[in-house]
Amino acid sequence: MLEAADATRASRRTAPPTWLVVALACAGQFLVVLDVSVVNVALPSMRADLGLSAQGLQWVVNAYAIAFAGFMLLGGRAGDLYGRKRMFLVGLGLFTLASLAGGLAQEGWQLLAARAVQGLGAAVLAPSTLTILTAAVPEGAPRARAIGTWTAVAGGGGAAGGVVGGVLVDVLSWRWVLLINVPVGAAVLAAALLWLAESRNGDGRRLDLPGAVLVTAGLAILAFGISQTEAEGWTATATVVPLLVGLALIGVFLVVEARTAAPLMPLGLFRRRAVSSANVAMFLCGSAMFCMWFFMTLYAQNVLGYTPLEAGLALVPSSLAVVFGSKVAPRFMRVLGARGLAAAGTAVAVAGFAWQSTMTVHGTYLTSIMFPGILMMLGAGLASTPLAALATSGAAPGEAGLVSGLVNTSRTMGGSLGLAVMSTIASARTAGSAGSGTPQALTEGYALAFRVGAGVLVGGVLLMMVWLPRETSSS
């Protein structure tokens, strides 16, 4: 009895506090999301230093995004089967080493390869961050608050990319946009190794390798096709062929999953209302909201004449708004319910997008950037937390990593597709305007993109009200 009591006391002494587990999960997610956007302001310096072509420069961003989106489901399922802590450490280790390699790159191909490995590491790491968090915090109000923190950190990471990148490029060099991840990643890696507890729900099953190869290749090739639309257009062979091949591979994946005994993605998962509806809603919201940072930065620099650092600083209020919205969302969930808050938050974002679509060449900071940006990102923060809570509450414990991967995949793929579509729409409007390439023509293209984004979000509000379950416990 005394030995058992001593063991219990020792276990309690070594068990990490919940706040530390949440902090480590959020730190991993922050690094993942930050690197989606942090390189944008460093691209001109990278091109000059490494002699990259215009297409090569595009792939500094796309190599990361495509590997991230393409391997996300594999990363989530691997966490369920082989251990969430193990996959957290593997993903963060890959991410950190690839950041070091990219920061030290001497040739363009070395940088692109490092960015692809970074994306692979992020795809393994990201699902584990949400799964570790939900496993450490009991369901209900505490978990809603923890997911709110995770969502706020994710939103803040994406928003902070422009500011962080601008400061590092101005003060040090473009290399530090990547090298800064090394000491931060090493510190989080050491803390996770010491404090995180291992968990898994694989039931001894093996990873579904045929399914993993098919879905990863399908999503990666589909993402590649999407990335080609801005430069090649939607009807070009370079766009159509990868889109068709990607869709075909995903179709084969669905056939394989329906017949295998231990599928990577049990198709029955999507019969659960919370999982299917929340992921579709996340996809729609991501397709519009991800574009906000891209077009706002272009508008500030190409039309209003801001420097990269000034453009990043101009979006700080929007960054704070998404963090604030995510943090207060759990309180509003108790009053409005998850469905009501998701729809209300998206409606707030619609108001911001509609306001932003009235931008002009001579716009002022307050009315053309700050206030509409705050509305857009406040709405994003309010909507993301209940959607993530709904999606994860509809899953069995053994599928938590998979569902976490689906949440991130829906948002990332929605953002990639949305950005490609919106960029094509904006470019077509700019090219068709008088004085193509002038600030006036650019403004017309950006404004049209925000109007289309508002329309997409209106559709999202209607879908949420009809399809989303009322409570996070629904399945």
Protein backbone atom coordinates (compact mmCIF):
# COMPACT_ATOMS: atom_id res chain seq x y z
CA MET A 1 0.00 0.00 0.00
CA LEU A 2 2.82 2.38 0.90
CA GLU A 3 4.58 1.62 -2.38
CA ALA A 4 1.39 2.28 -4.33
CA ALA A 5 0.88 5.57 -2.51
CA ASP A 6 4.48 6.57 -3.18
CA ALA A 7 4.04 5.76 -6.87
CA THR A 8 0.85 7.83 -7.01
CA ARG A 9 2.58 10.79 -5.35
CA ALA A 10 5.54 10.47 -7.74
CA SER A 11 3.18 10.39 -10.68
CA ARG A 12 1.46 13.54 -9.46
CA ARG A 13 4.79 15.27 -9.00
CA THR A 14 5.91 14.45 -12.52
CA ALA A 15 2.60 15.08 -14.29
CA PRO A 16 2.88 18.36 -16.18
CA PRO A 17 0.32 21.08 -15.41
CA THR A 18 -2.40 21.46 -18.00
CA TRP A 19 -1.35 25.02 -18.84
CA LEU A 20 2.12 23.79 -19.79
CA VAL A 21 0.72 21.14 -22.13
CA VAL A 22 -1.54 23.76 -23.74
CA ALA A 23 1.40 26.17 -24.06
CA LEU A 24 3.60 23.57 -25.78
CA ALA A 25 0.82 22.57 -28.19
CA CYS A 26 0.17 26.23 -29.01
CA ALA A 27 3.88 26.93 -29.50
CA GLY A 28 4.09 24.16 -32.08
CA GLN A 29 1.01 25.44 -33.89
CA PHE A 30 2.35 29.02 -33.85
CA LEU A 31 5.53 27.97 -35.65
CA VAL A 32 3.54 26.00 -38.24
CA VAL A 33 1.19 28.86 -39.10
CA LEU A 34 3.84 31.57 -38.88
CA ASP A 35 5.87 29.96 -41.64
CA VAL A 36 2.96 30.05 -44.06
CA SER A 37 3.26 33.84 -44.28
CA VAL A 38 6.54 34.95 -42.73
CA VAL A 39 8.57 34.50 -45.93
CA ASN A 40 6.42 36.83 -48.04
CA VAL A 41 8.28 40.05 -47.24
CA ALA A 42 11.63 38.28 -47.66
CA LEU A 43 10.99 37.04 -51.21
CA PRO A 44 12.71 39.94 -53.06
CA SER A 45 15.85 39.51 -50.93
CA MET A 46 15.84 35.74 -51.48
CA ARG A 47 15.54 36.25 -55.22
CA ALA A 48 18.44 38.70 -55.35
CA ASP A 49 20.72 36.58 -53.14
CA LEU A 50 20.05 33.15 -54.67
CA GLY A 51 19.25 34.15 -58.26
CA LEU A 52 15.79 32.58 -58.22
CA SER A 53 13.51 32.92 -61.23
CA ALA A 54 10.01 34.32 -60.88
CA GLN A 55 8.58 30.79 -60.89
CA GLY A 56 11.20 29.63 -58.41
CA LEU A 57 10.26 32.48 -56.12
CA GLN A 58 6.64 31.37 -56.25
CA TRP A 59 7.70 27.91 -55.09
CA VAL A 60 9.34 29.28 -51.97
CA VAL A 61 5.76 29.68 -50.75
CA ASN A 62 4.12 26.80 -52.63
CA ALA A 63 6.64 24.09 -51.66
CA TYR A 64 5.73 24.61 -48.01
CA ALA A 65 1.98 24.95 -48.55
CA ILE A 66 1.65 21.91 -50.83
CA ALA A 67 3.67 19.58 -48.58
CA PHE A 68 1.77 20.90 -45.56
CA ALA A 69 -1.67 20.28 -47.06
CA GLY A 70 -0.74 17.05 -48.84
CA PHE A 71 0.68 15.20 -45.83
CA MET A 72 -1.75 16.47 -43.17
CA LEU A 73 -4.03 13.42 -43.07
CA LEU A 74 -1.04 11.08 -42.92
CA GLY A 75 0.38 13.09 -40.01
CA GLY A 76 -2.89 12.99 -38.10
CA ARG A 77 -3.39 9.26 -38.52
CA ALA A 78 0.25 8.52 -37.66
CA GLY A 79 -0.28 10.33 -34.36
CA ASP A 80 -3.22 8.06 -33.52
CA LEU A 81 -1.28 4.89 -34.40
CA TYR A 82 2.26 5.63 -33.24
CA GLY A 83 1.78 8.19 -30.49
CA ARG A 84 0.90 11.89 -30.43
CA LYS A 85 4.00 12.91 -28.47
CA ARG A 86 6.24 10.92 -30.81
CA MET A 87 4.74 12.56 -33.90
CA PHE A 88 4.94 15.99 -32.22
CA LEU A 89 8.67 15.45 -31.65
CA VAL A 90 9.27 14.00 -35.14
CA GLY A 91 7.36 16.82 -36.84
CA LEU A 92 9.00 19.58 -34.82
CA GLY A 93 12.44 18.02 -35.32
CA LEU A 94 11.98 17.88 -39.10
CA PHE A 95 10.64 21.42 -39.12
CA THR A 96 13.57 22.78 -37.08
CA LEU A 97 16.26 21.00 -39.11
CA ALA A 98 14.67 22.10 -42.38
CA SER A 99 14.56 25.70 -41.10
CA LEU A 100 18.30 25.50 -40.43
CA ALA A 101 18.96 24.06 -43.89
CA GLY A 102 16.84 26.73 -45.56
CA GLY A 103 18.52 29.55 -43.66
CA LEU A 104 21.95 28.26 -44.74
CA ALA A 105 20.96 27.51 -48.36
CA GLN A 106 23.44 28.62 -51.01
CA GLU A 107 21.40 27.61 -54.07
CA GLY A 108 17.78 28.08 -55.01
CA TRP A 109 17.04 24.34 -55.16
CA GLN A 110 18.40 23.91 -51.64
CA LEU A 111 15.97 26.52 -50.32
CA LEU A 112 13.01 24.94 -52.14
CA ALA A 113 13.88 21.46 -50.85
CA ALA A 114 14.18 22.81 -47.31
CA ARG A 115 10.78 24.51 -47.58
CA ALA A 116 9.19 21.24 -48.75
CA VAL A 117 10.67 19.35 -45.78
CA GLN A 118 9.46 22.17 -43.53
CA GLY A 119 5.96 21.59 -44.87
CA LEU A 120 6.25 17.84 -44.25
CA GLY A 121 7.34 18.50 -40.67
CA ALA A 122 4.46 20.93 -40.21
CA ALA A 123 1.97 18.34 -41.54
CA VAL A 124 3.15 15.81 -38.94
CA LEU A 125 3.28 18.41 -36.16
CA ALA A 126 0.03 20.34 -36.67
CA PRO A 127 -2.53 17.55 -36.04
CA SER A 128 -0.63 16.48 -32.91
CA THR A 129 -0.88 19.97 -31.41
CA LEU A 130 -4.69 19.93 -31.35
CA THR A 131 -4.91 16.26 -30.33
CA ILE A 132 -2.49 16.71 -27.42
CA LEU A 133 -4.45 19.76 -26.29
CA THR A 134 -7.88 18.06 -26.43
CA ALA A 135 -6.50 14.97 -24.64
CA ALA A 136 -5.12 17.09 -21.79
CA VAL A 137 -8.23 19.21 -21.20
CA PRO A 138 -11.64 17.73 -20.27
CA GLU A 139 -14.55 18.32 -22.65
CA GLY A 140 -16.83 21.25 -21.92
CA ALA A 141 -15.98 24.85 -21.01
CA PRO A 142 -12.29 24.17 -20.16
CA ARG A 143 -11.68 22.51 -23.52
CA ALA A 144 -13.52 25.32 -25.32
CA ARG A 145 -11.21 27.84 -23.64
CA ALA A 146 -8.14 25.79 -24.56
CA ILE A 147 -9.26 25.47 -28.18
CA GLY A 148 -9.90 29.23 -28.14
CA THR A 149 -6.29 29.77 -27.07
CA TRP A 150 -5.05 27.36 -29.77
CA THR A 151 -7.15 29.16 -32.40
CA ALA A 152 -5.93 32.56 -31.20
CA VAL A 153 -2.30 31.46 -31.41
CA ALA A 154 -2.87 30.01 -34.89
CA GLY A 155 -4.53 33.23 -36.04
CA GLY A 156 -1.85 35.33 -34.41
CA GLY A 157 0.90 33.27 -36.06
CA GLY A 158 -0.50 33.87 -39.52
CA ALA A 159 -1.09 37.55 -38.81
CA ALA A 160 2.34 38.09 -37.23
CA GLY A 161 4.17 36.71 -40.25
CA GLY A 162 4.34 40.05 -42.05
CA VAL A 163 5.57 41.96 -39.00
CA VAL A 164 8.10 39.34 -37.91
CA GLY A 165 9.39 38.89 -41.45
CA GLY A 166 9.66 42.65 -42.02
CA VAL A 167 11.63 43.22 -38.83
CA LEU A 168 14.01 40.31 -39.44
CA VAL A 169 14.70 41.28 -43.06
CA ASP A 170 15.24 44.97 -42.19
CA VAL A 171 17.41 44.36 -39.11
CA LEU A 172 19.28 41.15 -40.05
CA SER A 173 18.72 39.38 -43.39
CA TRP A 174 16.22 37.11 -45.15
CA ARG A 175 18.02 34.08 -43.74
CA TRP A 176 16.79 34.87 -40.24
CA VAL A 177 13.19 34.47 -41.39
CA LEU A 178 14.04 30.75 -41.32
CA LEU A 179 16.87 30.64 -38.79
CA ILE A 180 14.72 32.17 -36.05
CA ASN A 181 12.82 28.86 -35.97
CA VAL A 182 15.93 26.96 -34.86
CA PRO A 183 16.37 28.22 -31.27
CA VAL A 184 12.60 28.41 -30.74
CA GLY A 185 12.06 24.93 -32.15
CA ALA A 186 14.91 23.49 -30.09
CA ALA A 187 13.50 24.99 -26.88
CA VAL A 188 9.98 23.65 -27.55
CA LEU A 189 11.45 20.27 -28.54
CA ALA A 190 13.36 19.98 -25.25
CA ALA A 191 10.34 21.02 -23.18
CA ALA A 192 8.05 18.59 -25.04
CA LEU A 193 10.53 15.74 -24.55
CA LEU A 194 10.53 16.38 -20.80
CA TRP A 195 6.92 17.25 -20.10
CA LEU A 196 4.52 15.80 -22.66
CA ALA A 197 2.93 12.43 -21.93
CA GLU A 198 2.52 9.85 -24.68
CA SER A 199 -0.92 8.81 -25.89
CA ARG A 200 -2.26 6.78 -28.78
CA ASN A 201 -5.43 5.00 -29.83
CA GLY A 202 -4.25 2.80 -32.65
CA ASP A 203 -5.47 -0.58 -31.35
CA GLY A 204 -2.35 -2.18 -32.78
CA ARG A 205 -3.34 -1.45 -36.36
CA ARG A 206 -0.81 -0.60 -39.03
CA LEU A 207 -0.80 2.60 -40.99
CA ASP A 208 -2.84 2.31 -44.19
CA LEU A 209 0.08 2.91 -46.58
CA PRO A 210 -1.84 2.56 -49.89
CA GLY A 211 -4.44 5.03 -48.64
CA ALA A 212 -1.74 7.33 -47.31
CA VAL A 213 0.13 7.36 -50.62
CA LEU A 214 -3.03 7.95 -52.65
CA VAL A 215 -4.47 10.77 -50.54
CA THR A 216 -1.11 12.48 -50.09
CA ALA A 217 -0.29 12.32 -53.80
CA GLY A 218 -3.84 13.35 -54.73
CA LEU A 219 -3.92 16.36 -52.41
CA ALA A 220 -0.36 17.40 -53.30
CA ILE A 221 -0.99 17.22 -57.07
CA LEU A 222 -4.35 18.96 -56.66
CA ALA A 223 -2.65 21.71 -54.63
CA PHE A 224 0.00 21.98 -57.36
CA GLY A 225 -2.72 22.45 -59.98
CA ILE A 226 -4.36 25.11 -57.85
CA SER A 227 -1.05 26.93 -57.46
CA GLN A 228 -0.67 27.05 -61.24
CA THR A 229 -3.90 28.97 -61.82
CA GLU A 230 -2.55 32.39 -60.96
CA ALA A 231 0.29 32.19 -63.48
CA GLU A 232 -1.26 29.91 -66.14
CA GLY A 233 -5.02 30.42 -65.82
CA TRP A 234 -7.72 27.80 -65.24
CA THR A 235 -7.86 26.42 -68.80
CA ALA A 236 -4.13 25.92 -69.42
CA THR A 237 -2.80 22.37 -69.75
CA ALA A 238 -0.36 23.01 -66.89
CA THR A 239 -3.40 23.63 -64.68
CA VAL A 240 -6.02 21.21 -65.99
CA VAL A 241 -3.82 18.09 -66.08
CA PRO A 242 -2.69 18.16 -62.42
CA LEU A 243 -6.20 19.10 -61.28
CA LEU A 244 -7.68 16.08 -63.11
CA VAL A 245 -4.91 13.74 -61.93
CA GLY A 246 -5.31 14.95 -58.35
CA LEU A 247 -9.06 14.45 -58.42
CA ALA A 248 -8.64 11.00 -59.97
CA LEU A 249 -6.20 9.92 -57.25
CA ILE A 250 -8.57 11.13 -54.55
CA GLY A 251 -11.35 9.13 -56.22
CA VAL A 252 -9.19 6.00 -56.19
CA PHE A 253 -8.35 6.73 -52.54
CA LEU A 254 -12.07 6.73 -51.64
CA VAL A 255 -12.54 3.37 -53.39
CA VAL A 256 -9.56 1.87 -51.54
CA GLU A 257 -10.74 3.23 -48.18
CA ALA A 258 -14.18 1.70 -48.67
CA ARG A 259 -12.62 -1.76 -49.11
CA THR A 260 -9.67 -1.88 -46.69
CA ALA A 261 -10.04 -3.38 -43.21
CA ALA A 262 -8.13 -0.59 -41.40
CA PRO A 263 -8.58 2.56 -43.50
CA LEU A 264 -6.58 5.73 -43.08
CA MET A 265 -9.82 7.71 -43.18
CA PRO A 266 -12.95 5.73 -42.23
CA LEU A 267 -15.60 7.07 -44.59
CA GLY A 268 -18.22 6.55 -41.90
CA LEU A 269 -16.59 9.49 -40.11
CA PHE A 270 -18.34 11.85 -42.49
CA ARG A 271 -21.73 10.48 -41.53
CA ARG A 272 -21.21 12.29 -38.24
CA ARG A 273 -22.88 15.62 -38.65
CA ALA A 274 -20.47 17.55 -36.44
CA VAL A 275 -17.37 16.36 -38.31
CA SER A 276 -18.67 16.75 -41.86
CA SER A 277 -20.50 20.06 -41.41
CA ALA A 278 -17.76 21.76 -39.39
CA ASN A 279 -15.08 20.79 -41.91
CA VAL A 280 -17.10 22.06 -44.88
CA ALA A 281 -17.74 25.30 -42.99
CA MET A 282 -14.03 25.56 -42.14
CA PHE A 283 -13.17 25.06 -45.82
CA LEU A 284 -15.51 27.87 -46.92
CA CYS A 285 -14.33 30.28 -44.22
CA GLY A 286 -10.69 29.52 -44.99
CA SER A 287 -11.20 30.08 -48.71
CA ALA A 288 -12.25 33.69 -48.08
CA MET A 289 -10.45 34.69 -44.89
CA PHE A 290 -7.00 33.41 -45.87
CA CYS A 291 -7.06 35.86 -48.78
CA MET A 292 -7.49 38.84 -46.49
CA TRP A 293 -3.83 39.05 -45.45
CA PHE A 294 -2.60 38.57 -49.02
CA PHE A 295 -4.72 41.30 -50.63
CA MET A 296 -4.46 43.73 -47.71
CA THR A 297 -0.67 43.53 -47.87
CA LEU A 298 -0.67 44.07 -51.66
CA TYR A 299 -3.10 46.99 -51.36
CA ALA A 300 -1.00 48.65 -48.66
CA GLN A 301 2.26 48.29 -50.64
CA ASN A 302 1.21 48.54 -54.29
CA VAL A 303 -1.49 51.20 -53.94
CA LEU A 304 -0.91 53.15 -50.72
CA GLY A 305 2.89 52.99 -50.94
CA TYR A 306 3.66 51.31 -47.60
CA THR A 307 6.99 49.54 -47.07
CA PRO A 308 6.86 45.80 -46.21
CA LEU A 309 7.43 46.56 -42.53
CA GLU A 310 4.83 49.34 -42.53
CA ALA A 311 2.35 47.01 -44.20
CA GLY A 312 2.97 44.38 -41.53
CA LEU A 313 2.57 46.91 -38.73
CA ALA A 314 -0.62 48.23 -40.31
CA LEU A 315 -2.22 44.81 -39.80
CA VAL A 316 -1.34 44.56 -36.10
CA PRO A 317 -4.86 45.67 -35.00
CA SER A 318 -6.30 42.90 -37.19
CA SER A 319 -3.90 40.43 -35.59
CA LEU A 320 -5.06 41.48 -32.13
CA ALA A 321 -8.70 41.23 -33.26
CA VAL A 322 -8.41 37.57 -34.28
CA VAL A 323 -6.69 36.77 -30.98
CA PHE A 324 -9.36 38.64 -29.01
CA GLY A 325 -12.18 36.97 -30.95
CA SER A 326 -10.73 33.53 -30.34
CA LYS A 327 -10.27 34.14 -26.64
CA VAL A 328 -13.79 35.49 -25.97
CA ALA A 329 -15.47 32.90 -28.20
CA PRO A 330 -15.89 30.29 -25.41
CA ARG A 331 -17.92 32.78 -23.36
CA PHE A 332 -20.23 33.52 -26.26
CA MET A 333 -20.57 29.80 -26.98
CA ARG A 334 -22.30 29.39 -23.62
CA VAL A 335 -24.89 31.97 -24.67
CA LEU A 336 -25.30 31.45 -28.42
CA GLY A 337 -24.21 27.83 -28.76
CA ALA A 338 -21.50 26.64 -31.12
CA ARG A 339 -23.68 26.91 -34.23
CA GLY A 340 -25.01 30.36 -33.36
CA LEU A 341 -21.57 31.76 -32.61
CA ALA A 342 -20.00 30.30 -35.76
CA ALA A 343 -22.72 31.93 -37.88
CA ALA A 344 -22.59 35.22 -35.97
CA GLY A 345 -18.80 35.43 -36.23
CA THR A 346 -18.93 34.75 -39.95
CA ALA A 347 -21.57 37.47 -40.33
CA VAL A 348 -19.22 39.94 -38.60
CA ALA A 349 -16.53 38.95 -41.13
CA VAL A 350 -19.02 39.51 -43.97
CA ALA A 351 -19.47 43.11 -42.77
CA GLY A 352 -15.70 43.60 -42.80
CA PHE A 353 -15.29 42.13 -46.30
CA ALA A 354 -18.13 44.30 -47.63
CA TRP A 355 -16.53 47.41 -46.10
CA GLN A 356 -13.10 46.49 -47.46
CA SER A 357 -14.57 46.11 -50.96
CA THR A 358 -15.22 49.89 -50.99
CA MET A 359 -11.45 50.62 -50.94
CA THR A 360 -10.13 53.46 -53.10
CA VAL A 361 -6.75 54.58 -54.44
CA HIS A 362 -6.61 57.40 -51.89
CA GLY A 363 -7.91 55.43 -48.94
CA THR A 364 -6.92 56.34 -45.38
CA TYR A 365 -5.45 53.91 -42.92
CA LEU A 366 -8.38 53.96 -40.50
CA THR A 367 -11.19 53.40 -42.99
CA SER A 368 -9.38 51.37 -45.68
CA ILE A 369 -7.26 49.03 -43.56
CA MET A 370 -7.70 49.20 -39.80
CA PHE A 371 -11.47 49.12 -39.13
CA PRO A 372 -12.52 46.71 -41.92
CA GLY A 373 -9.53 44.50 -41.07
CA ILE A 374 -10.59 44.38 -37.43
CA LEU A 375 -14.11 43.31 -38.40
CA MET A 376 -12.84 40.60 -40.76
CA MET A 377 -10.45 39.08 -38.26
CA LEU A 378 -12.69 39.50 -35.22
CA GLY A 379 -15.27 37.46 -37.13
CA ALA A 380 -12.65 34.88 -38.07
CA GLY A 381 -11.63 34.43 -34.44
CA LEU A 382 -15.23 34.14 -33.23
CA ALA A 383 -16.10 31.55 -35.91
CA SER A 384 -12.99 29.35 -35.84
CA THR A 385 -13.20 28.32 -32.19
CA PRO A 386 -16.74 26.83 -32.29
CA LEU A 387 -16.03 25.16 -35.66
CA ALA A 388 -12.88 23.47 -34.30
CA ALA A 389 -14.75 22.45 -31.14
CA LEU A 390 -17.61 20.95 -33.18
CA ALA A 391 -15.27 19.04 -35.48
CA THR A 392 -13.23 17.47 -32.69
CA SER A 393 -16.23 16.67 -30.46
CA GLY A 394 -17.74 14.50 -33.19
CA ALA A 395 -14.83 12.05 -33.24
CA ALA A 396 -14.06 8.89 -31.31
CA PRO A 397 -10.84 8.92 -29.22
CA GLY A 398 -9.06 6.63 -31.69
CA GLU A 399 -9.73 9.08 -34.52
CA ALA A 400 -8.79 12.30 -32.72
CA GLY A 401 -5.56 12.77 -34.66
CA LEU A 402 -7.30 12.13 -37.96
CA VAL A 403 -10.04 14.66 -37.19
CA SER A 404 -7.46 17.22 -36.09
CA GLY A 405 -5.69 16.67 -39.39
CA LEU A 406 -8.98 17.14 -41.23
CA VAL A 407 -9.59 20.47 -39.48
CA ASN A 408 -6.18 21.78 -40.53
CA THR A 409 -6.48 20.27 -44.02
CA SER A 410 -9.90 21.86 -44.58
CA ARG A 411 -8.61 25.27 -43.57
CA THR A 412 -5.35 25.00 -45.53
CA MET A 413 -6.86 23.56 -48.70
CA GLY A 414 -9.70 26.08 -48.51
CA GLY A 415 -7.17 28.86 -48.21
CA SER A 416 -5.06 27.57 -51.11
CA LEU A 417 -8.04 27.15 -53.40
CA GLY A 418 -9.57 30.44 -52.33
CA LEU A 419 -6.37 32.37 -52.87
CA ALA A 420 -5.92 30.89 -56.35
CA VAL A 421 -9.51 31.70 -57.33
CA MET A 422 -9.48 35.19 -55.83
CA SER A 423 -6.10 36.00 -57.40
CA THR A 424 -7.42 34.95 -60.81
CA ILE A 425 -10.54 37.09 -60.34
CA ALA A 426 -8.53 40.10 -59.18
CA SER A 427 -5.97 39.76 -62.00
CA ALA A 428 -8.70 39.46 -64.65
CA ARG A 429 -10.44 42.59 -63.35
CA THR A 430 -7.15 44.51 -63.21
CA ALA A 431 -6.19 43.43 -66.74
CA GLY A 432 -9.59 44.47 -68.06
CA SER A 433 -9.49 47.91 -66.47
CA ALA A 434 -8.27 51.05 -68.17
CA GLY A 435 -4.56 51.56 -67.51
CA SER A 436 -3.84 47.99 -66.46
CA GLY A 437 -1.20 47.87 -63.72
CA THR A 438 -2.00 51.35 -62.40
CA PRO A 439 -3.01 51.83 -58.74
CA GLN A 440 -6.60 52.40 -59.86
CA ALA A 441 -6.72 49.13 -61.83
CA LEU A 442 -5.08 47.20 -58.99
CA THR A 443 -7.58 48.63 -56.51
CA GLU A 444 -10.51 47.54 -58.67
CA GLY A 445 -9.15 43.99 -58.77
CA TYR A 446 -8.56 43.83 -55.01
CA ALA A 447 -12.01 45.28 -54.30
CA LEU A 448 -13.69 42.66 -56.48
CA ALA A 449 -11.85 39.90 -54.62
CA PHE A 450 -13.25 41.18 -51.32
CA ARG A 451 -16.78 41.37 -52.76
CA VAL A 452 -16.54 37.75 -53.91
CA GLY A 453 -15.14 36.80 -50.50
CA ALA A 454 -18.15 38.42 -48.82
CA GLY A 455 -20.46 36.38 -51.03
CA VAL A 456 -18.65 33.13 -50.15
CA LEU A 457 -19.00 33.92 -46.45
CA VAL A 458 -22.72 34.68 -46.82
CA GLY A 459 -23.06 31.18 -48.26
CA GLY A 460 -21.09 29.91 -45.28
CA VAL A 461 -23.50 31.55 -42.81
CA LEU A 462 -26.48 29.90 -44.52
CA LEU A 463 -24.76 26.51 -44.52
CA MET A 464 -23.92 26.79 -40.81
CA MET A 465 -27.47 27.64 -39.81
CA VAL A 466 -28.88 24.70 -41.75
CA TRP A 467 -26.25 21.97 -41.20
CA LEU A 468 -24.18 22.55 -38.07
CA PRO A 469 -25.42 20.83 -34.88
CA ARG A 470 -26.35 23.10 -32.00
CA GLU A 471 -23.94 21.69 -29.43
CA THR A 472 -20.35 20.44 -29.45
CA SER A 473 -21.45 17.11 -28.02
CA SER A 474 -23.56 16.31 -31.09
CA SER A 475 -22.27 13.75 -33.52
